[in-house]
Amino acid sequence: MLPNTLFMGQQLLFIQSCASTNTEAQQLLIKNEATEGCTVVTHCQTQGRGQRGNSWEAAPGQNITLSVILSPTFLAVRQQFYLNMAVSLAVLDLLREQGLEQAQVKWPNDLFFEDKKLGGILIENTINSLSLQHSIVGIGLNVNQLRFGTSTASSLACALGYTLDLEKLTVRLLELLEKRYLQLRNGHLARLKYEYLQGLYRYQEKHLFRIGQQEVQGQIMGVDEAGRLAVEIENELRYFDFKEIAHVL
């Protein structure tokens, strides 16, 4: 199953079932047993975590659920959202290779196709005073699952009309992830940000957003280095952190 990479996924741990691949990866770091690119893969994740403390549920054996350990010490703390951009673009690359050319990233890092969620990314960083030390990149991608508990979720199989080879797809994801990570490490920040914005859900379109209990019309204008969403509301450009604004779908 090893991908054609320099380091991404070259150390690979497959666990049939676990609470969370991010938790397993964290334990490897604590024990000093992980090289950069170390990847934990499971067929069944019982306590998967999403953004804002949400749970991530996936049917066993039908989807991609993995975590990758990285050491982006070249990134200043204030630049950490660039890692989110690079990882999001890698998953977008994969989706577009499979024929979902209109796949998008819903800020900050959900994967969407035709207004439905295909997957999500959870990055947990360890930092020192100046830069990132370690990052655990968790990726969940709905691949062959056909039934969901919510009407806003979908999968590649639902979108394409056929099932896919999970192992081959996982290998390809790791290859694309390394390509984007090397772009990041080589300092191509402006290029990554440009491509991220071009793939951003509802970018520069007027739509409804929820701020607290209020619904307002706004237009996404970009993101800053800290990952805050820049939204123009009533001719004023405002910046929002992850929990401060939400799309009205």
Protein backbone atom coordinates (compact mmCIF):
# COMPACT_ATOMS: atom_id res chain seq x y z
CA MET A 1 0.00 0.00 0.00
CA LEU A 2 3.03 2.31 0.21
CA PRO A 3 2.66 5.43 -1.95
CA ASN A 4 5.23 6.75 -4.41
CA THR A 5 6.48 9.46 -2.04
CA LEU A 6 9.64 10.62 -0.31
CA PHE A 7 8.21 10.42 3.21
CA MET A 8 4.43 10.78 3.24
CA GLY A 9 2.98 7.43 4.28
CA GLN A 10 6.32 5.62 4.18
CA GLN A 11 5.79 4.81 7.85
CA LEU A 12 2.25 3.48 7.83
CA LEU A 13 0.24 2.01 10.68
CA PHE A 14 -3.05 0.30 9.89
CA ILE A 15 -5.45 -0.24 12.78
CA GLN A 16 -8.65 -2.18 12.11
CA SER A 17 -10.60 -0.12 14.64
CA CYS A 18 -9.75 2.79 16.94
CA ALA A 19 -11.39 5.69 18.73
CA SER A 20 -9.59 8.34 16.67
CA THR A 21 -6.65 8.24 14.27
CA ASN A 22 -5.59 11.68 15.54
CA THR A 23 -5.41 10.27 19.06
CA GLU A 24 -3.37 7.29 17.87
CA ALA A 25 -1.00 9.62 16.02
CA GLN A 26 -0.65 11.77 19.12
CA GLN A 27 0.42 8.72 21.12
CA LEU A 28 3.09 7.93 18.53
CA LEU A 29 4.45 11.45 18.92
CA ILE A 30 4.47 11.20 22.70
CA LYS A 31 6.42 7.93 22.49
CA ASN A 32 8.80 9.46 19.91
CA GLU A 33 7.95 6.64 17.51
CA ALA A 34 6.92 8.67 14.47
CA THR A 35 8.93 10.01 11.55
CA GLU A 36 7.58 12.88 9.46
CA GLY A 37 4.85 11.63 7.16
CA CYS A 38 3.89 8.80 9.52
CA THR A 39 0.32 7.85 8.66
CA VAL A 40 -2.32 6.11 10.78
CA VAL A 41 -5.18 4.52 8.83
CA THR A 42 -8.27 2.77 10.14
CA HIS A 43 -11.37 1.14 8.70
CA CYS A 44 -13.45 1.97 11.75
CA GLN A 45 -13.19 5.14 13.84
CA THR A 46 -15.53 5.14 16.82
CA GLN A 47 -14.92 8.62 18.24
CA GLY A 48 -13.80 10.70 15.27
CA ARG A 49 -13.47 14.42 15.94
CA GLY A 50 -14.43 17.31 13.69
CA GLN A 51 -14.16 21.07 13.82
CA ARG A 52 -15.79 22.96 16.71
CA GLY A 53 -15.87 19.79 18.82
CA ASN A 54 -18.29 18.05 16.45
CA SER A 55 -18.12 14.29 16.02
CA TRP A 56 -17.21 12.72 12.69
CA GLU A 57 -19.18 9.61 11.81
CA ALA A 58 -18.33 7.21 9.00
CA ALA A 59 -19.54 3.72 8.14
CA PRO A 60 -16.81 1.09 8.83
CA GLY A 61 -14.78 -0.06 5.84
CA GLN A 62 -16.40 2.33 3.36
CA ASN A 63 -14.47 5.57 3.71
CA ILE A 64 -11.00 7.07 4.11
CA THR A 65 -10.12 7.83 7.72
CA LEU A 66 -6.49 8.68 8.42
CA SER A 67 -4.08 10.98 10.22
CA VAL A 68 -0.65 12.14 9.09
CA ILE A 69 2.11 13.47 11.36
CA LEU A 70 4.04 16.45 10.00
CA SER A 71 6.79 18.71 11.32
CA PRO A 72 6.17 22.12 9.71
CA THR A 73 8.80 23.94 11.79
CA PHE A 74 9.35 26.28 8.84
CA LEU A 75 5.93 27.87 9.46
CA ALA A 76 5.56 30.72 11.92
CA VAL A 77 2.63 30.39 14.31
CA ARG A 78 0.86 33.28 12.56
CA GLN A 79 1.13 31.36 9.25
CA GLN A 80 -0.42 28.11 10.44
CA PHE A 81 -3.53 28.38 8.27
CA TYR A 82 -1.34 27.87 5.22
CA LEU A 83 -1.07 24.24 6.29
CA ASN A 84 -4.88 24.01 6.20
CA MET A 85 -4.79 25.47 2.69
CA ALA A 86 -2.21 22.97 1.46
CA VAL A 87 -4.04 19.97 2.93
CA SER A 88 -7.41 21.17 1.63
CA LEU A 89 -5.96 21.59 -1.85
CA ALA A 90 -4.51 18.07 -1.77
CA VAL A 91 -7.96 16.62 -1.08
CA LEU A 92 -9.47 18.86 -3.76
CA ASP A 93 -6.84 17.59 -6.18
CA LEU A 94 -7.92 14.03 -5.40
CA LEU A 95 -11.62 14.77 -5.85
CA ARG A 96 -11.01 16.54 -9.15
CA GLU A 97 -8.89 13.64 -10.42
CA GLN A 98 -11.88 11.39 -9.78
CA GLY A 99 -14.09 13.60 -11.93
CA LEU A 100 -15.59 15.96 -9.35
CA GLU A 101 -14.21 19.11 -10.97
CA GLN A 102 -16.68 21.33 -9.12
CA ALA A 103 -15.62 20.14 -5.65
CA GLN A 104 -14.90 23.01 -3.24
CA VAL A 105 -13.59 23.78 0.23
CA LYS A 106 -16.14 25.21 2.64
CA TRP A 107 -14.23 27.39 5.08
CA PRO A 108 -12.36 26.52 7.06
CA ASN A 109 -11.78 22.97 5.80
CA ASP A 110 -14.83 20.94 4.82
CA LEU A 111 -14.96 19.35 1.37
CA PHE A 112 -18.15 20.07 -0.55
CA PHE A 113 -19.70 18.97 -3.82
CA GLU A 114 -23.05 20.33 -5.01
CA ASP A 115 -23.79 21.82 -1.58
CA LYS A 116 -23.18 18.53 0.22
CA LYS A 117 -20.31 17.54 2.51
CA LEU A 118 -17.94 14.87 1.25
CA GLY A 119 -15.36 15.10 4.00
CA GLY A 120 -13.50 17.17 6.51
CA ILE A 121 -10.05 18.00 7.82
CA LEU A 122 -8.96 18.44 11.42
CA ILE A 123 -5.44 19.74 12.06
CA GLU A 124 -4.09 19.78 15.61
CA ASN A 125 -0.87 21.76 16.04
CA THR A 126 1.82 21.73 18.71
CA ILE A 127 3.61 25.08 18.79
CA ASN A 128 6.55 26.70 20.47
CA SER A 129 6.94 30.44 20.96
CA LEU A 130 7.75 31.18 17.31
CA SER A 131 6.77 28.33 15.02
CA LEU A 132 4.86 25.09 14.60
CA GLN A 133 6.52 22.04 16.07
CA HIS A 134 4.26 19.15 15.08
CA SER A 135 0.95 18.88 13.25
CA ILE A 136 -1.45 15.97 13.20
CA VAL A 137 -3.53 16.16 10.04
CA GLY A 138 -6.76 14.18 10.26
CA ILE A 139 -8.67 13.58 7.03
CA GLY A 140 -12.07 11.96 6.72
CA LEU A 141 -13.45 11.44 3.23
CA ASN A 142 -16.75 9.76 2.37
CA VAL A 143 -15.99 7.35 -0.44
CA ASN A 144 -18.30 4.32 -0.79
CA GLN A 145 -20.92 5.04 1.87
CA LEU A 146 -24.38 5.50 0.34
CA ARG A 147 -26.60 6.29 3.32
CA PHE A 148 -26.16 9.12 5.81
CA GLY A 149 -27.99 10.39 8.86
CA THR A 150 -28.23 13.88 7.35
CA SER A 151 -29.35 15.14 3.96
CA THR A 152 -26.35 17.48 3.74
CA ALA A 153 -23.79 14.63 3.52
CA SER A 154 -22.71 12.71 0.43
CA SER A 155 -19.85 10.58 -0.89
CA LEU A 156 -17.81 10.00 -4.03
CA ALA A 157 -19.88 6.91 -4.80
CA CYS A 158 -23.11 8.90 -4.52
CA ALA A 159 -21.73 11.61 -6.81
CA LEU A 160 -20.10 9.32 -9.36
CA GLY A 161 -22.55 6.41 -9.37
CA TYR A 162 -19.98 3.69 -8.68
CA THR A 163 -17.72 2.49 -5.88
CA LEU A 164 -13.97 3.12 -5.74
CA ASP A 165 -10.89 1.23 -4.55
CA LEU A 166 -10.22 2.59 -1.06
CA GLU A 167 -6.60 1.46 -0.94
CA LYS A 168 -5.67 3.02 -4.28
CA LEU A 169 -7.49 6.22 -3.36
CA THR A 170 -5.67 6.42 -0.01
CA VAL A 171 -2.30 5.94 -1.69
CA ARG A 172 -3.08 8.67 -4.22
CA LEU A 173 -4.22 11.03 -1.47
CA LEU A 174 -0.87 10.64 0.32
CA GLU A 175 0.99 11.35 -2.92
CA LEU A 176 -1.01 14.52 -3.54
CA LEU A 177 -0.64 15.55 0.09
CA GLU A 178 3.14 15.35 -0.16
CA LYS A 179 3.11 17.40 -3.37
CA ARG A 180 1.13 20.19 -1.72
CA TYR A 181 3.16 19.99 1.50
CA LEU A 182 6.39 20.38 -0.46
CA GLN A 183 4.90 23.45 -2.16
CA LEU A 184 4.27 24.83 1.31
CA ARG A 185 7.75 23.94 2.56
CA ASN A 186 9.30 25.59 -0.50
CA GLY A 187 7.56 28.86 0.33
CA HIS A 188 4.90 29.00 -2.40
CA LEU A 189 2.44 30.64 -0.01
CA ALA A 190 0.91 33.10 -2.47
CA ARG A 191 0.20 30.33 -4.97
CA LEU A 192 -1.40 28.11 -2.35
CA LYS A 193 -3.59 30.94 -1.10
CA TYR A 194 -4.67 31.86 -4.63
CA GLU A 195 -5.67 28.27 -5.43
CA TYR A 196 -7.41 27.87 -2.07
CA LEU A 197 -9.51 30.97 -2.71
CA GLN A 198 -10.38 29.81 -6.23
CA GLY A 199 -11.69 26.59 -4.73
CA LEU A 200 -13.45 28.25 -1.79
CA TYR A 201 -17.16 27.59 -1.43
CA ARG A 202 -19.23 30.72 -2.16
CA TYR A 203 -16.14 32.87 -2.72
CA GLN A 204 -17.11 36.39 -3.84
CA GLU A 205 -20.78 35.42 -4.01
CA LYS A 206 -23.53 37.03 -1.94
CA HIS A 207 -25.09 34.55 0.48
CA LEU A 208 -26.65 34.36 3.93
CA PHE A 209 -24.48 33.86 6.99
CA ARG A 210 -25.37 33.34 10.62
CA ILE A 211 -23.59 35.49 13.22
CA GLY A 212 -24.83 34.56 16.67
CA GLN A 213 -28.61 34.48 16.36
CA GLN A 214 -28.69 36.89 13.42
CA GLU A 215 -28.77 36.09 9.71
CA VAL A 216 -27.05 38.59 7.44
CA GLN A 217 -26.16 38.78 3.78
CA GLY A 218 -22.48 38.91 3.06
CA GLN A 219 -19.79 38.22 0.49
CA ILE A 220 -16.60 36.24 1.21
CA MET A 221 -13.60 38.29 0.14
CA GLY A 222 -10.76 36.09 1.40
CA VAL A 223 -8.94 34.73 4.44
CA ASP A 224 -6.02 36.13 6.42
CA GLU A 225 -2.87 34.32 7.64
CA ALA A 226 -4.57 33.37 10.90
CA GLY A 227 -7.36 31.70 8.94
CA ARG A 228 -10.01 34.29 9.73
CA LEU A 229 -12.72 34.62 7.10
CA ALA A 230 -13.00 38.07 5.51
CA VAL A 231 -16.65 38.86 4.75
CA GLU A 232 -18.05 42.09 3.36
CA ILE A 233 -21.28 42.96 5.17
CA GLU A 234 -23.10 46.21 4.38
CA ASN A 235 -19.99 47.61 2.64
CA GLU A 236 -17.79 46.85 5.67
CA LEU A 237 -15.04 44.20 5.59
CA ARG A 238 -15.18 42.12 8.77
CA TYR A 239 -13.00 39.22 9.96
CA PHE A 240 -14.36 36.14 11.73
CA ASP A 241 -12.78 33.23 13.59
CA PHE A 242 -14.00 29.64 13.19
CA LYS A 243 -16.84 29.80 15.73
CA GLU A 244 -18.02 33.32 15.01
CA ILE A 245 -19.78 32.86 11.65
CA ALA A 246 -21.50 30.04 9.79
CA HIS A 247 -22.95 29.51 6.33
CA VAL A 248 -26.72 29.31 6.06
CA LEU A 249 -27.11 26.31 3.74
